[in-house]
Amino acid sequence: MRLAVVAATGGVGRHVVDQALAAGHSVTALVRTPANVHQPVRAVAVDLAAPDPAVLRDALVDQDAVLSCLGPRGKGEYGIVEPGTIALTQAMREAGCRRIVAVSGSGVSTIPTPSRPNPPRREPGAGLYNRYFATPLGRRMLGAHFVDVAMMEHVLRTSGLDWTTVRPPYLSDGPVTGRYRTAVGHSVPGGVRLSRADTAHLMLRVLDDPTTIGQAVGAAN
């Protein structure tokens, strides 16, 4: 497949590029600084904090799918995910690219959005640790980012595209294993962490699984 990887130089994005190439896919990296791309792939300079719509659209022409690892590099970039995804989905529609898999996060299903104004108070499927400690702590520490990611899911939900989000809990380092649990539409009970490499693995795994279209997929070790 011809894959456009957004934020290809980030923690998850680098693994997506490596694993996609190893699987025989063609990769286009959409990044702020093409010189930082660590693999010899086509790289397009795109800053989703202030994107050039024409450049973004042209980068997605003839792509089979988009894998978005968009996220802030620090607190100063909280709020980048929703507007960046709005620009990305608009460019996808104009370019005729329909499939997108995006990194989201465990716990965001409890955040109200226009398309889900009355979400559950507690994360569905989450164990006691996540319900009463990890998710509330994350919301307190990353409140603006939690809302931003929830609104990113709203953008995808109302985009008319074939979307899937992957919701890992705490992201850790480590090699790809392919050994993790998944749950469609809710969190993995007792799931605390997932490596960035396995998050990338799951993104590629759900890419051609039609049962995940229009779904959020929870995952954890």
N, C-alpha and C. Protein backbone atom coordinates (compact mmCIF):
# COMPACT_ATOMS: atom_id res chain seq x y z
N MET A 1 0.83 -1.20 0.00
CA MET A 1 0.00 0.00 0.00
C MET A 1 0.87 1.26 0.00
N ARG A 2 0.30 2.34 -0.48
CA ARG A 2 0.97 3.64 -0.45
C ARG A 2 0.45 4.38 0.78
N LEU A 3 1.34 4.60 1.74
CA LEU A 3 0.93 5.13 3.03
C LEU A 3 1.57 6.50 3.29
N ALA A 4 0.75 7.44 3.73
CA ALA A 4 1.25 8.73 4.18
C ALA A 4 1.29 8.70 5.71
N VAL A 5 2.46 8.92 6.27
CA VAL A 5 2.63 8.88 7.72
C VAL A 5 2.82 10.29 8.24
N VAL A 6 1.87 10.75 9.04
CA VAL A 6 1.91 12.10 9.61
C VAL A 6 2.69 12.06 10.92
N ALA A 7 3.58 13.02 11.11
CA ALA A 7 4.47 13.05 12.28
C ALA A 7 5.38 11.83 12.29
N ALA A 8 6.01 11.60 11.15
CA ALA A 8 6.82 10.40 10.95
C ALA A 8 8.13 10.40 11.71
N THR A 9 8.50 11.52 12.31
CA THR A 9 9.74 11.57 13.08
C THR A 9 9.49 11.50 14.58
N GLY A 10 8.23 11.33 14.99
CA GLY A 10 7.89 11.25 16.40
C GLY A 10 8.08 9.85 16.97
N GLY A 11 7.74 9.70 18.25
CA GLY A 11 7.99 8.45 18.94
C GLY A 11 7.27 7.26 18.33
N VAL A 12 6.00 7.42 17.98
CA VAL A 12 5.25 6.34 17.31
C VAL A 12 5.51 6.37 15.82
N GLY A 13 5.58 7.56 15.24
CA GLY A 13 5.74 7.69 13.79
C GLY A 13 6.97 7.00 13.24
N ARG A 14 8.09 7.07 13.96
CA ARG A 14 9.31 6.41 13.50
C ARG A 14 9.10 4.91 13.40
N HIS A 15 8.39 4.34 14.37
CA HIS A 15 8.12 2.91 14.33
C HIS A 15 7.16 2.56 13.18
N VAL A 16 6.19 3.44 12.93
CA VAL A 16 5.27 3.20 11.82
C VAL A 16 6.05 3.14 10.51
N VAL A 17 6.94 4.09 10.31
CA VAL A 17 7.74 4.11 9.08
C VAL A 17 8.56 2.83 8.95
N ASP A 18 9.27 2.46 10.00
CA ASP A 18 10.12 1.27 9.95
C ASP A 18 9.32 0.01 9.66
N GLN A 19 8.21 -0.16 10.36
CA GLN A 19 7.42 -1.37 10.19
C GLN A 19 6.68 -1.40 8.86
N ALA A 20 6.25 -0.24 8.39
CA ALA A 20 5.58 -0.18 7.09
C ALA A 20 6.55 -0.56 5.97
N LEU A 21 7.76 -0.05 6.03
CA LEU A 21 8.76 -0.40 5.02
C LEU A 21 9.10 -1.88 5.09
N ALA A 22 9.24 -2.41 6.31
CA ALA A 22 9.56 -3.83 6.47
C ALA A 22 8.46 -4.73 5.90
N ALA A 23 7.22 -4.21 5.91
CA ALA A 23 6.09 -4.98 5.39
C ALA A 23 5.91 -4.79 3.89
N GLY A 24 6.76 -3.97 3.27
CA GLY A 24 6.70 -3.79 1.83
C GLY A 24 5.84 -2.64 1.36
N HIS A 25 5.39 -1.79 2.27
CA HIS A 25 4.59 -0.64 1.87
C HIS A 25 5.47 0.50 1.33
N SER A 26 4.89 1.36 0.55
CA SER A 26 5.54 2.59 0.12
C SER A 26 5.14 3.70 1.09
N VAL A 27 6.11 4.49 1.54
CA VAL A 27 5.85 5.48 2.59
C VAL A 27 6.16 6.90 2.10
N THR A 28 5.24 7.81 2.39
CA THR A 28 5.49 9.24 2.27
C THR A 28 5.41 9.83 3.67
N ALA A 29 6.46 10.49 4.11
CA ALA A 29 6.51 11.07 5.44
C ALA A 29 6.08 12.53 5.39
N LEU A 30 5.08 12.89 6.20
CA LEU A 30 4.63 14.26 6.31
C LEU A 30 5.16 14.82 7.63
N VAL A 31 6.13 15.70 7.54
CA VAL A 31 6.86 16.14 8.72
C VAL A 31 7.20 17.62 8.62
N ARG A 32 7.52 18.22 9.75
CA ARG A 32 7.95 19.61 9.74
C ARG A 32 9.32 19.76 9.09
N THR A 33 10.22 18.83 9.41
CA THR A 33 11.60 18.93 8.94
C THR A 33 11.98 17.66 8.19
N PRO A 34 11.87 17.63 6.87
CA PRO A 34 12.19 16.42 6.11
C PRO A 34 13.59 15.86 6.38
N ALA A 35 14.55 16.72 6.70
CA ALA A 35 15.91 16.24 6.95
C ALA A 35 15.99 15.33 8.16
N ASN A 36 14.98 15.37 9.03
CA ASN A 36 15.00 14.53 10.23
C ASN A 36 14.41 13.14 10.01
N VAL A 37 13.87 12.89 8.83
CA VAL A 37 13.33 11.56 8.55
C VAL A 37 14.47 10.56 8.47
N HIS A 38 14.37 9.47 9.21
CA HIS A 38 15.49 8.56 9.40
C HIS A 38 15.57 7.46 8.36
N GLN A 39 14.62 7.40 7.44
CA GLN A 39 14.62 6.41 6.38
C GLN A 39 14.60 7.10 5.03
N PRO A 40 15.13 6.45 3.98
CA PRO A 40 15.16 7.07 2.65
C PRO A 40 13.81 6.96 1.94
N VAL A 41 12.84 7.74 2.44
CA VAL A 41 11.49 7.74 1.85
C VAL A 41 11.18 9.14 1.35
N ARG A 42 10.14 9.25 0.55
CA ARG A 42 9.66 10.57 0.13
C ARG A 42 9.22 11.34 1.37
N ALA A 43 9.69 12.54 1.54
CA ALA A 43 9.35 13.37 2.69
C ALA A 43 8.83 14.71 2.21
N VAL A 44 7.71 15.13 2.78
CA VAL A 44 7.08 16.40 2.41
C VAL A 44 7.02 17.28 3.64
N ALA A 45 7.45 18.53 3.51
CA ALA A 45 7.43 19.48 4.62
C ALA A 45 6.01 19.97 4.85
N VAL A 46 5.43 19.55 5.96
CA VAL A 46 4.07 19.95 6.33
C VAL A 46 4.06 20.25 7.82
N ASP A 47 3.62 21.43 8.18
CA ASP A 47 3.46 21.80 9.59
C ASP A 47 1.96 21.91 9.86
N LEU A 48 1.41 20.92 10.57
CA LEU A 48 -0.03 20.91 10.79
C LEU A 48 -0.47 21.93 11.83
N ALA A 49 0.47 22.66 12.42
CA ALA A 49 0.10 23.80 13.25
C ALA A 49 -0.31 24.98 12.37
N ALA A 50 0.22 25.01 11.15
CA ALA A 50 -0.11 26.08 10.20
C ALA A 50 0.09 25.52 8.79
N PRO A 51 -0.76 24.58 8.37
CA PRO A 51 -0.53 23.87 7.11
C PRO A 51 -0.85 24.70 5.88
N ASP A 52 -0.13 24.41 4.82
CA ASP A 52 -0.44 24.94 3.50
C ASP A 52 -1.42 23.94 2.86
N PRO A 53 -2.69 24.29 2.68
CA PRO A 53 -3.67 23.32 2.19
C PRO A 53 -3.29 22.66 0.88
N ALA A 54 -2.70 23.42 -0.04
CA ALA A 54 -2.34 22.87 -1.35
C ALA A 54 -1.22 21.84 -1.22
N VAL A 55 -0.21 22.15 -0.42
CA VAL A 55 0.89 21.21 -0.22
C VAL A 55 0.38 19.93 0.44
N LEU A 56 -0.48 20.08 1.45
CA LEU A 56 -1.02 18.92 2.15
C LEU A 56 -1.87 18.07 1.22
N ARG A 57 -2.72 18.70 0.44
CA ARG A 57 -3.55 17.95 -0.52
C ARG A 57 -2.69 17.21 -1.53
N ASP A 58 -1.72 17.89 -2.11
CA ASP A 58 -0.88 17.27 -3.14
C ASP A 58 -0.09 16.09 -2.58
N ALA A 59 0.29 16.17 -1.30
CA ALA A 59 1.04 15.07 -0.68
C ALA A 59 0.20 13.82 -0.53
N LEU A 60 -1.12 13.99 -0.52
CA LEU A 60 -2.02 12.85 -0.28
C LEU A 60 -2.62 12.28 -1.56
N VAL A 61 -2.37 12.93 -2.68
CA VAL A 61 -2.86 12.39 -3.95
C VAL A 61 -2.21 11.03 -4.21
N ASP A 62 -3.03 10.06 -4.60
CA ASP A 62 -2.58 8.69 -4.92
C ASP A 62 -2.15 7.88 -3.70
N GLN A 63 -2.38 8.39 -2.50
CA GLN A 63 -2.10 7.59 -1.30
C GLN A 63 -3.29 6.68 -1.01
N ASP A 64 -3.01 5.48 -0.53
CA ASP A 64 -4.07 4.54 -0.17
C ASP A 64 -4.61 4.79 1.23
N ALA A 65 -3.78 5.32 2.11
CA ALA A 65 -4.21 5.53 3.49
C ALA A 65 -3.28 6.51 4.18
N VAL A 66 -3.78 7.08 5.26
CA VAL A 66 -3.01 7.98 6.12
C VAL A 66 -2.90 7.35 7.50
N LEU A 67 -1.71 7.38 8.07
CA LEU A 67 -1.51 6.97 9.45
C LEU A 67 -1.05 8.21 10.22
N SER A 68 -1.90 8.72 11.09
CA SER A 68 -1.62 9.96 11.78
C SER A 68 -1.13 9.71 13.20
N CYS A 69 0.09 10.14 13.46
CA CYS A 69 0.67 10.07 14.80
C CYS A 69 0.79 11.47 15.38
N LEU A 70 -0.06 12.36 14.94
CA LEU A 70 0.01 13.75 15.32
C LEU A 70 -0.20 13.93 16.82
N GLY A 71 0.66 14.72 17.42
CA GLY A 71 0.56 15.02 18.84
C GLY A 71 1.50 16.14 19.21
N PRO A 72 1.33 16.73 20.38
CA PRO A 72 2.18 17.85 20.79
C PRO A 72 3.56 17.38 21.21
N ARG A 73 4.56 18.20 20.97
CA ARG A 73 5.91 17.92 21.44
C ARG A 73 6.12 18.41 22.87
N GLY A 74 5.16 19.13 23.40
CA GLY A 74 5.22 19.64 24.76
C GLY A 74 3.97 20.44 25.05
N LYS A 75 3.86 20.97 26.28
CA LYS A 75 2.66 21.69 26.68
C LYS A 75 2.39 22.90 25.78
N GLY A 76 3.44 23.47 25.24
CA GLY A 76 3.26 24.62 24.37
C GLY A 76 2.50 24.31 23.09
N GLU A 77 2.40 23.03 22.75
CA GLU A 77 1.68 22.64 21.54
C GLU A 77 0.35 21.96 21.84
N TYR A 78 -0.09 21.98 23.10
CA TYR A 78 -1.42 21.45 23.39
C TYR A 78 -2.44 22.20 22.54
N GLY A 79 -3.31 21.46 21.88
CA GLY A 79 -4.31 22.07 21.02
C GLY A 79 -4.02 21.90 19.55
N ILE A 80 -2.92 21.21 19.20
CA ILE A 80 -2.56 21.04 17.79
C ILE A 80 -3.35 19.92 17.10
N VAL A 81 -3.85 18.97 17.87
CA VAL A 81 -4.36 17.74 17.25
C VAL A 81 -5.69 17.96 16.53
N GLU A 82 -6.63 18.66 17.16
CA GLU A 82 -7.92 18.88 16.50
C GLU A 82 -7.78 19.71 15.22
N PRO A 83 -7.20 20.90 15.28
CA PRO A 83 -7.11 21.68 14.03
C PRO A 83 -6.24 21.01 12.98
N GLY A 84 -5.18 20.33 13.42
CA GLY A 84 -4.34 19.61 12.46
C GLY A 84 -5.12 18.51 11.76
N THR A 85 -6.00 17.83 12.50
CA THR A 85 -6.80 16.76 11.91
C THR A 85 -7.90 17.32 11.01
N ILE A 86 -8.42 18.48 11.35
CA ILE A 86 -9.38 19.14 10.45
C ILE A 86 -8.72 19.41 9.10
N ALA A 87 -7.53 19.98 9.12
CA ALA A 87 -6.81 20.25 7.87
C ALA A 87 -6.49 18.97 7.12
N LEU A 88 -6.10 17.94 7.87
CA LEU A 88 -5.73 16.67 7.25
C LEU A 88 -6.92 16.00 6.58
N THR A 89 -8.06 15.95 7.27
CA THR A 89 -9.23 15.29 6.69
C THR A 89 -9.78 16.07 5.49
N GLN A 90 -9.69 17.39 5.54
CA GLN A 90 -10.11 18.18 4.38
C GLN A 90 -9.23 17.88 3.18
N ALA A 91 -7.92 17.80 3.42
CA ALA A 91 -7.00 17.48 2.33
C ALA A 91 -7.24 16.07 1.80
N MET A 92 -7.56 15.15 2.69
CA MET A 92 -7.84 13.78 2.25
C MET A 92 -9.05 13.74 1.33
N ARG A 93 -10.11 14.44 1.70
CA ARG A 93 -11.30 14.46 0.85
C ARG A 93 -10.98 15.05 -0.52
N GLU A 94 -10.20 16.11 -0.53
CA GLU A 94 -9.87 16.76 -1.81
C GLU A 94 -8.96 15.87 -2.66
N ALA A 95 -8.11 15.08 -2.00
CA ALA A 95 -7.17 14.22 -2.72
C ALA A 95 -7.78 12.87 -3.08
N GLY A 96 -8.95 12.56 -2.54
CA GLY A 96 -9.59 11.28 -2.83
C GLY A 96 -9.02 10.12 -2.02
N CYS A 97 -8.46 10.42 -0.87
CA CYS A 97 -7.91 9.39 0.02
C CYS A 97 -8.89 9.21 1.18
N ARG A 98 -9.39 7.98 1.40
CA ARG A 98 -10.48 7.79 2.35
C ARG A 98 -10.07 7.13 3.67
N ARG A 99 -8.99 6.38 3.69
CA ARG A 99 -8.68 5.58 4.89
C ARG A 99 -7.69 6.30 5.79
N ILE A 100 -8.02 6.40 7.08
CA ILE A 100 -7.11 7.02 8.05
C ILE A 100 -7.15 6.24 9.36
N VAL A 101 -5.96 6.00 9.90
CA VAL A 101 -5.81 5.42 11.24
C VAL A 101 -5.02 6.43 12.06
N ALA A 102 -5.55 6.79 13.22
CA ALA A 102 -4.93 7.85 14.03
C ALA A 102 -4.70 7.39 15.46
N VAL A 103 -3.62 7.87 16.05
CA VAL A 103 -3.34 7.60 17.46
C VAL A 103 -4.23 8.51 18.31
N SER A 104 -4.94 7.91 19.23
CA SER A 104 -5.76 8.64 20.18
C SER A 104 -5.22 8.31 21.58
N GLY A 105 -6.08 8.04 22.54
CA GLY A 105 -5.58 7.71 23.87
C GLY A 105 -6.67 7.17 24.76
N SER A 106 -6.27 6.32 25.66
CA SER A 106 -7.21 5.76 26.63
C SER A 106 -7.76 6.88 27.51
N GLY A 107 -9.05 6.83 27.76
CA GLY A 107 -9.68 7.81 28.63
C GLY A 107 -10.43 8.91 27.93
N VAL A 108 -10.17 9.13 26.64
CA VAL A 108 -10.78 10.28 25.97
C VAL A 108 -12.28 10.07 25.72
N SER A 109 -12.76 8.83 25.83
CA SER A 109 -14.19 8.59 25.60
C SER A 109 -15.05 9.20 26.69
N THR A 110 -14.45 9.67 27.79
CA THR A 110 -15.21 10.30 28.87
C THR A 110 -15.34 11.81 28.68
N ILE A 111 -14.77 12.35 27.61
CA ILE A 111 -14.80 13.79 27.35
C ILE A 111 -15.98 14.12 26.44
N PRO A 112 -16.85 15.05 26.82
CA PRO A 112 -17.97 15.42 25.94
C PRO A 112 -17.47 16.11 24.67
N THR A 113 -18.08 15.76 23.55
CA THR A 113 -17.82 16.41 22.28
C THR A 113 -19.17 16.64 21.58
N PRO A 114 -19.21 17.46 20.54
CA PRO A 114 -20.50 17.69 19.88
C PRO A 114 -21.18 16.42 19.36
N SER A 115 -20.40 15.45 18.91
CA SER A 115 -20.99 14.21 18.41
C SER A 115 -21.24 13.18 19.50
N ARG A 116 -20.69 13.44 20.71
CA ARG A 116 -20.94 12.57 21.87
C ARG A 116 -21.12 13.47 23.09
N PRO A 117 -22.26 14.17 23.16
CA PRO A 117 -22.43 15.16 24.22
C PRO A 117 -22.63 14.58 25.61
N ASN A 118 -22.99 13.31 25.69
CA ASN A 118 -23.25 12.68 26.99
C ASN A 118 -22.42 11.40 27.13
N PRO A 119 -21.11 11.52 27.23
CA PRO A 119 -20.25 10.33 27.30
C PRO A 119 -20.37 9.66 28.67
N PRO A 120 -19.89 8.43 28.78
CA PRO A 120 -19.90 7.76 30.09
C PRO A 120 -18.98 8.48 31.07
N ARG A 121 -19.34 8.44 32.34
CA ARG A 121 -18.53 9.11 33.36
C ARG A 121 -17.21 8.38 33.57
N ARG A 122 -17.25 7.06 33.43
CA ARG A 122 -16.06 6.25 33.59
C ARG A 122 -15.71 5.58 32.27
N GLU A 123 -14.44 5.38 32.03
CA GLU A 123 -13.98 4.76 30.79
C GLU A 123 -14.52 3.33 30.66
N PRO A 124 -15.32 3.03 29.63
CA PRO A 124 -15.86 1.68 29.46
C PRO A 124 -14.76 0.63 29.34
N GLY A 125 -14.90 -0.45 30.06
CA GLY A 125 -13.96 -1.55 29.97
C GLY A 125 -12.73 -1.39 30.83
N ALA A 126 -12.48 -0.20 31.34
CA ALA A 126 -11.27 0.02 32.12
C ALA A 126 -11.39 -0.64 33.49
N GLY A 127 -10.27 -1.11 34.00
CA GLY A 127 -10.24 -1.69 35.34
C GLY A 127 -10.25 -0.59 36.40
N LEU A 128 -10.23 -1.01 37.64
CA LEU A 128 -10.30 -0.05 38.75
C LEU A 128 -9.14 0.93 38.74
N TYR A 129 -7.94 0.45 38.42
CA TYR A 129 -6.76 1.32 38.43
C TYR A 129 -6.92 2.45 37.43
N ASN A 130 -7.35 2.11 36.23
CA ASN A 130 -7.51 3.14 35.20
C ASN A 130 -8.71 4.04 35.50
N ARG A 131 -9.81 3.47 35.96
CA ARG A 131 -11.01 4.27 36.20
C ARG A 131 -10.81 5.30 37.30
N TYR A 132 -10.16 4.87 38.38
CA TYR A 132 -10.12 5.72 39.57
C TYR A 132 -8.76 6.36 39.83
N PHE A 133 -7.76 6.00 39.03
CA PHE A 133 -6.45 6.61 39.24
C PHE A 133 -5.85 7.15 37.95
N ALA A 134 -5.54 6.25 36.98
CA ALA A 134 -4.78 6.66 35.80
C ALA A 134 -5.54 7.69 34.95
N THR A 135 -6.81 7.42 34.65
CA THR A 135 -7.56 8.35 33.80
C THR A 135 -7.82 9.68 34.50
N PRO A 136 -8.29 9.69 35.76
CA PRO A 136 -8.45 11.00 36.44
C PRO A 136 -7.14 11.77 36.56
N LEU A 137 -6.04 11.06 36.84
CA LEU A 137 -4.75 11.73 36.93
C LEU A 137 -4.35 12.33 35.58
N GLY A 138 -4.55 11.53 34.51
CA GLY A 138 -4.23 12.02 33.18
C GLY A 138 -5.05 13.24 32.81
N ARG A 139 -6.31 13.24 33.18
CA ARG A 139 -7.16 14.39 32.86
C ARG A 139 -6.72 15.64 33.62
N ARG A 140 -6.25 15.46 34.85
CA ARG A 140 -5.78 16.61 35.62
C ARG A 140 -4.46 17.15 35.06
N MET A 141 -3.56 16.24 34.69
CA MET A 141 -2.25 16.65 34.24
C MET A 141 -2.24 17.11 32.78
N LEU A 142 -3.10 16.49 31.96
CA LEU A 142 -3.11 16.74 30.52
C LEU A 142 -4.46 17.24 30.05
N GLY A 143 -5.16 17.97 30.91
CA GLY A 143 -6.54 18.32 30.63
C GLY A 143 -6.79 18.88 29.24
N ALA A 144 -6.03 19.89 28.85
CA ALA A 144 -6.23 20.50 27.54
C ALA A 144 -5.93 19.51 26.42
N HIS A 145 -4.92 18.68 26.63
CA HIS A 145 -4.57 17.69 25.61
C HIS A 145 -5.64 16.61 25.51
N PHE A 146 -6.19 16.18 26.65
CA PHE A 146 -7.28 15.20 26.63
C PHE A 146 -8.45 15.72 25.79
N VAL A 147 -8.82 16.96 26.02
CA VAL A 147 -9.93 17.55 25.26
C VAL A 147 -9.59 17.63 23.78
N ASP A 148 -8.36 18.01 23.48
CA ASP A 148 -7.91 18.12 22.09
C ASP A 148 -8.01 16.79 21.37
N VAL A 149 -7.58 15.72 22.03
CA VAL A 149 -7.63 14.39 21.39
C VAL A 149 -9.07 13.92 21.25
N ALA A 150 -9.90 14.19 22.24
CA ALA A 150 -11.31 13.84 22.12
C ALA A 150 -11.96 14.57 20.95
N MET A 151 -11.59 15.83 20.77
CA MET A 151 -12.14 16.59 19.65
C MET A 151 -11.58 16.09 18.32
N MET A 152 -10.35 15.57 18.32
CA MET A 152 -9.81 14.92 17.11
C MET A 152 -10.69 13.75 16.73
N GLU A 153 -11.10 12.94 17.72
CA GLU A 153 -12.00 11.82 17.40
C GLU A 153 -13.33 12.34 16.86
N HIS A 154 -13.82 13.44 17.40
CA HIS A 154 -15.05 14.03 16.87
C HIS A 154 -14.88 14.43 15.40
N VAL A 155 -13.74 15.03 15.08
CA VAL A 155 -13.47 15.42 13.69
C VAL A 155 -13.53 14.20 12.78
N LEU A 156 -12.89 13.11 13.20
CA LEU A 156 -12.90 11.90 12.39
C LEU A 156 -14.30 11.31 12.31
N ARG A 157 -15.01 11.32 13.43
CA ARG A 157 -16.35 10.72 13.48
C ARG A 157 -17.31 11.40 12.52
N THR A 158 -17.08 12.68 12.27
CA THR A 158 -17.99 13.46 11.42
C THR A 158 -17.38 13.77 10.05
N SER A 159 -16.27 13.12 9.73
CA SER A 159 -15.53 13.45 8.51
C SER A 159 -16.07 12.80 7.25
N GLY A 160 -16.83 11.73 7.41
CA GLY A 160 -17.27 10.97 6.24
C GLY A 160 -16.20 10.04 5.68
N LEU A 161 -15.04 9.96 6.35
CA LEU A 161 -13.94 9.10 5.91
C LEU A 161 -14.00 7.74 6.61
N ASP A 162 -13.19 6.83 6.14
CA ASP A 162 -13.08 5.50 6.74
C ASP A 162 -12.00 5.55 7.82
N TRP A 163 -12.39 5.86 9.04
CA TRP A 163 -11.44 6.13 10.11
C TRP A 163 -11.41 5.02 11.15
N THR A 164 -10.26 4.92 11.79
CA THR A 164 -10.09 4.09 12.99
C THR A 164 -9.15 4.86 13.91
N THR A 165 -9.43 4.87 15.21
CA THR A 165 -8.47 5.41 16.16
C THR A 165 -7.94 4.27 17.02
N VAL A 166 -6.69 4.41 17.40
CA VAL A 166 -6.02 3.45 18.29
C VAL A 166 -5.81 4.16 19.62
N ARG A 167 -6.31 3.56 20.70
CA ARG A 167 -6.27 4.20 22.02
C ARG A 167 -5.35 3.44 22.98
N PRO A 168 -4.07 3.72 22.95
CA PRO A 168 -3.18 3.11 23.94
C PRO A 168 -3.29 3.85 25.26
N PRO A 169 -2.93 3.20 26.37
CA PRO A 169 -2.80 3.91 27.64
C PRO A 169 -1.42 4.58 27.70
N TYR A 170 -0.70 4.43 28.76
CA TYR A 170 0.64 5.01 28.88
C TYR A 170 1.56 4.43 27.81
N LEU A 171 2.24 5.30 27.05
CA LEU A 171 3.16 4.84 26.01
C LEU A 171 4.55 4.62 26.59
N SER A 172 5.11 3.46 26.32
CA SER A 172 6.43 3.11 26.84
C SER A 172 7.38 2.82 25.69
N ASP A 173 8.65 2.72 25.99
CA ASP A 173 9.64 2.31 25.01
C ASP A 173 9.77 0.79 25.04
N GLY A 174 10.42 0.27 24.02
CA GLY A 174 10.60 -1.17 23.94
C GLY A 174 10.39 -1.65 22.53
N PRO A 175 10.80 -2.87 22.23
CA PRO A 175 10.69 -3.40 20.86
C PRO A 175 9.27 -3.81 20.52
N VAL A 176 9.03 -3.97 19.23
CA VAL A 176 7.74 -4.48 18.80
C VAL A 176 7.64 -5.95 19.18
N THR A 177 6.50 -6.33 19.75
CA THR A 177 6.27 -7.73 20.14
C THR A 177 5.08 -8.34 19.41
N GLY A 178 4.08 -7.52 19.09
CA GLY A 178 2.85 -8.04 18.52
C GLY A 178 1.99 -8.76 19.53
N ARG A 179 2.43 -8.74 20.79
CA ARG A 179 1.69 -9.44 21.86
C ARG A 179 1.02 -8.39 22.76
N TYR A 180 -0.21 -8.11 22.48
CA TYR A 180 -0.98 -7.16 23.27
C TYR A 180 -2.45 -7.49 23.10
N ARG A 181 -3.24 -6.97 24.00
CA ARG A 181 -4.68 -7.21 23.97
C ARG A 181 -5.39 -6.02 23.34
N THR A 182 -6.49 -6.27 22.67
CA THR A 182 -7.26 -5.20 22.06
C THR A 182 -8.73 -5.33 22.45
N ALA A 183 -9.43 -4.22 22.37
CA ALA A 183 -10.87 -4.19 22.64
C ALA A 183 -11.49 -3.11 21.77
N VAL A 184 -12.43 -3.48 20.95
CA VAL A 184 -13.06 -2.52 20.05
C VAL A 184 -14.15 -1.75 20.79
N GLY A 185 -14.01 -0.44 20.81
CA GLY A 185 -15.02 0.41 21.41
C GLY A 185 -14.85 0.69 22.88
N HIS A 186 -13.85 0.09 23.50
CA HIS A 186 -13.62 0.37 24.93
C HIS A 186 -12.19 0.01 25.30
N SER A 187 -11.82 0.32 26.53
CA SER A 187 -10.47 0.04 26.99
C SER A 187 -10.27 -1.43 27.29
N VAL A 188 -9.00 -1.82 27.34
CA VAL A 188 -8.64 -3.18 27.72
C VAL A 188 -8.65 -3.27 29.24
N PRO A 189 -9.42 -4.18 29.82
CA PRO A 189 -9.46 -4.29 31.27
C PRO A 189 -8.06 -4.52 31.86
N GLY A 190 -7.69 -3.69 32.81
CA GLY A 190 -6.40 -3.86 33.46
C GLY A 190 -5.22 -3.40 32.63
N GLY A 191 -5.47 -2.82 31.48
CA GLY A 191 -4.37 -2.38 30.62
C GLY A 191 -3.75 -1.11 31.14
N VAL A 192 -2.44 -1.09 31.32
CA VAL A 192 -1.75 0.06 31.88
C VAL A 192 -0.82 0.74 30.87
N ARG A 193 -0.16 -0.06 30.02
CA ARG A 193 0.80 0.54 29.10
C ARG A 193 0.85 -0.25 27.79
N LEU A 194 1.41 0.40 26.79
CA LEU A 194 1.66 -0.22 25.49
C LEU A 194 2.88 0.48 24.90
N SER A 195 3.78 -0.28 24.31
CA SER A 195 4.97 0.35 23.75
C SER A 195 4.62 1.13 22.48
N ARG A 196 5.43 2.10 22.20
CA ARG A 196 5.24 2.86 20.97
C ARG A 196 5.38 1.95 19.74
N ALA A 197 6.29 0.99 19.83
CA ALA A 197 6.48 0.06 18.71
C ALA A 197 5.24 -0.79 18.49
N ASP A 198 4.62 -1.27 19.57
CA ASP A 198 3.40 -2.07 19.41
C ASP A 198 2.20 -1.21 19.03
N THR A 199 2.20 0.06 19.42
CA THR A 199 1.15 0.97 18.96
C THR A 199 1.23 1.10 17.43
N ALA A 200 2.44 1.26 16.91
CA ALA A 200 2.64 1.31 15.46
C ALA A 200 2.20 0.00 14.81
N HIS A 201 2.53 -1.11 15.44
CA HIS A 201 2.15 -2.43 14.92
C HIS A 201 0.63 -2.53 14.80
N LEU A 202 -0.08 -2.06 15.82
CA LEU A 202 -1.55 -2.12 15.79
C LEU A 202 -2.11 -1.20 14.72
N MET A 203 -1.53 -0.04 14.53
CA MET A 203 -2.01 0.87 13.49
C MET A 203 -1.95 0.21 12.12
N LEU A 204 -0.86 -0.48 11.85
CA LEU A 204 -0.72 -1.16 10.57
C LEU A 204 -1.62 -2.39 10.50
N ARG A 205 -1.82 -3.03 11.63
CA ARG A 205 -2.66 -4.23 11.68
C ARG A 205 -4.12 -3.92 11.36
N VAL A 206 -4.64 -2.80 11.87
CA VAL A 206 -6.05 -2.48 11.64
C VAL A 206 -6.29 -1.82 10.29
N LEU A 207 -5.22 -1.45 9.63
CA LEU A 207 -5.33 -0.66 8.40
C LEU A 207 -6.25 -1.30 7.37
N ASP A 208 -6.12 -2.60 7.16
CA ASP A 208 -6.95 -3.27 6.16
C ASP A 208 -7.99 -4.19 6.79
N ASP A 209 -8.38 -3.88 8.04
CA ASP A 209 -9.43 -4.64 8.73
C ASP A 209 -10.72 -3.83 8.68
N PRO A 210 -11.65 -4.20 7.81
CA PRO A 210 -12.87 -3.39 7.65
C PRO A 210 -13.73 -3.35 8.91
N THR A 211 -13.57 -4.32 9.81
CA THR A 211 -14.39 -4.32 11.03
C THR A 211 -14.00 -3.20 11.99
N THR A 212 -12.84 -2.58 11.77
CA THR A 212 -12.41 -1.50 12.66
C THR A 212 -12.77 -0.12 12.12
N ILE A 213 -13.35 -0.05 10.94
CA ILE A 213 -13.72 1.25 10.38
C ILE A 213 -14.84 1.86 11.21
N GLY A 214 -14.65 3.12 11.58
CA GLY A 214 -15.63 3.80 12.42
C GLY A 214 -15.55 3.39 13.87
N GLN A 215 -14.41 2.84 14.29
CA GLN A 215 -14.26 2.33 15.65
C GLN A 215 -13.01 2.89 16.32
N ALA A 216 -13.06 2.96 17.64
CA ALA A 216 -11.87 3.22 18.45
C ALA A 216 -11.42 1.88 19.02
N VAL A 217 -10.15 1.58 18.87
CA VAL A 217 -9.61 0.29 19.31
C VAL A 217 -8.68 0.51 20.50
N GLY A 218 -9.11 0.03 21.66
CA GLY A 218 -8.25 0.09 22.83
C GLY A 218 -7.21 -1.00 22.76
N ALA A 219 -6.04 -0.75 23.35
CA ALA A 219 -4.97 -1.75 23.32
C ALA A 219 -4.08 -1.57 24.53
N ALA A 220 -3.53 -2.68 25.01
CA ALA A 220 -2.59 -2.63 26.13
C ALA A 220 -1.97 -4.01 26.28
N ASN A 221 -0.84 -4.06 26.96
CA ASN A 221 -0.19 -5.35 27.23
C ASN A 221 -0.99 -6.13 28.27
